[in-house]
Protein backbone atom coordinates (compact mmCIF):
# COMPACT_ATOMS: atom_id res chain seq x y z
CA UNK A 1 36.86 -23.75 -21.98
CA UNK A 2 39.52 -23.05 -24.57
CA UNK A 3 38.78 -24.08 -28.10
CA UNK A 4 41.62 -24.65 -30.58
CA UNK A 5 40.87 -23.78 -34.18
CA UNK A 6 42.74 -25.44 -37.02
CA UNK A 7 45.01 -23.04 -38.94
CA UNK A 8 42.91 -23.27 -42.08
CA UNK A 9 40.43 -21.11 -43.88
CA UNK A 10 37.58 -23.12 -42.35
CA UNK A 11 39.17 -22.81 -38.91
CA UNK A 12 39.43 -19.05 -39.34
CA UNK A 13 35.80 -18.87 -40.45
CA UNK A 14 34.71 -21.01 -37.48
CA UNK A 15 36.72 -18.81 -35.13
CA UNK A 16 35.19 -15.65 -36.60
CA UNK A 17 31.66 -17.15 -36.40
CA UNK A 18 32.22 -18.15 -32.77
CA UNK A 19 33.57 -14.68 -32.02
CA UNK A 20 30.49 -13.05 -33.57
CA UNK A 21 28.21 -15.46 -31.72
CA UNK A 22 30.04 -14.71 -28.48
CA UNK A 23 29.74 -10.99 -29.14
CA UNK A 24 26.02 -11.42 -29.85
CA UNK A 25 25.59 -13.45 -26.66
CA UNK A 26 27.38 -10.74 -24.71
CA UNK A 27 25.12 -8.06 -26.21
CA UNK A 28 22.07 -10.15 -25.38
CA UNK A 29 23.28 -10.64 -21.80
CA UNK A 30 23.90 -6.90 -21.50
CA UNK A 31 20.41 -6.15 -22.84
CA UNK A 32 18.90 -8.66 -20.42
CA UNK A 33 20.86 -7.13 -17.56
CA UNK A 34 19.65 -3.66 -18.60
CA UNK A 35 16.05 -4.91 -18.78
CA UNK A 36 16.35 -6.41 -15.31
CA UNK A 37 17.93 -3.20 -14.03
CA UNK A 38 15.09 -1.16 -15.52
CA UNK A 39 12.48 -3.46 -13.99
CA UNK A 40 14.15 -3.22 -10.58
CA UNK A 41 14.34 0.56 -10.88
CA UNK A 42 10.64 0.74 -11.77
CA UNK A 43 9.77 -1.58 -8.90
CA UNK A 44 11.82 0.46 -6.44
CA UNK A 45 10.22 3.64 -7.73
CA UNK A 46 6.74 2.18 -7.26
CA UNK A 47 7.61 1.02 -3.76
CA UNK A 48 8.91 4.48 -2.90
CA UNK A 49 5.75 6.08 -4.33
CA UNK A 50 3.54 3.68 -2.37
CA UNK A 51 5.47 4.41 0.82
CA UNK A 52 5.11 8.15 0.22
CA UNK A 53 1.38 7.76 -0.49
CA UNK A 54 0.96 5.75 2.73
CA UNK A 55 2.81 8.47 4.65
CA UNK A 56 0.52 11.15 3.20
CA UNK A 57 -2.56 9.08 4.06
CA UNK A 58 -1.31 8.58 7.62
CA UNK A 59 -0.68 12.31 7.97
CA UNK A 60 -4.16 13.07 6.62
CA UNK A 61 -5.72 10.57 9.07
CA UNK A 62 -3.76 12.11 11.92
CA UNK A 63 -4.86 15.61 10.90
CA UNK A 64 -8.49 14.44 10.70
CA UNK A 65 -8.19 12.75 14.09
CA UNK A 66 -6.70 15.92 15.57
CA UNK A 67 -9.49 18.06 14.12
CA UNK A 68 -12.15 15.67 15.42
CA UNK A 69 -10.51 15.68 18.86
CA UNK A 70 -10.44 19.48 18.92
CA UNK A 71 -14.13 19.65 17.93
CA UNK A 72 -15.00 17.17 20.65
CA UNK A 73 -13.06 19.17 23.23
CA UNK A 74 -14.80 22.38 22.12
CA UNK A 75 -18.18 20.66 22.49
CA UNK A 76 -17.26 19.46 25.99
CA UNK A 77 -16.16 22.96 26.94
CA UNK A 78 -19.41 24.36 25.57
CA UNK A 79 -21.37 21.76 27.54
CA UNK A 80 -19.51 22.73 30.71
CA UNK A 81 -20.30 26.38 30.08
CA UNK A 82 -23.95 25.62 29.28
CA UNK A 83 -24.39 23.46 32.39
CA UNK A 84 -22.56 26.01 34.50
CA UNK A 85 -24.92 28.76 33.32
CA UNK A 86 -27.97 26.58 33.92
CA UNK A 87 -26.85 25.82 37.46
CA UNK A 88 -26.34 29.48 38.22
CA UNK A 89 -29.69 30.45 36.67
CA UNK A 90 -31.59 27.80 38.66
CA UNK A 91 -30.30 29.15 41.96
């Protein structure tokens, strides 16, 4: 919307006041946009951190599962050896 100011001292003052108000509004909008940008950046950072933490937890679970599997396989091997020795000794 275009506003026409009268070519008077009051018109000049009104134009200057509107200009300052518009400049203030623009600064406020820029600050709000910066605040929103900062919030989005923080949120994205937290999401990335959470994703990384979940990845580390999954890797730790996988490592634990692998270690448990290896222990179980070693026990089975030991049982086979023990039973094999018992069978030979009983003959």
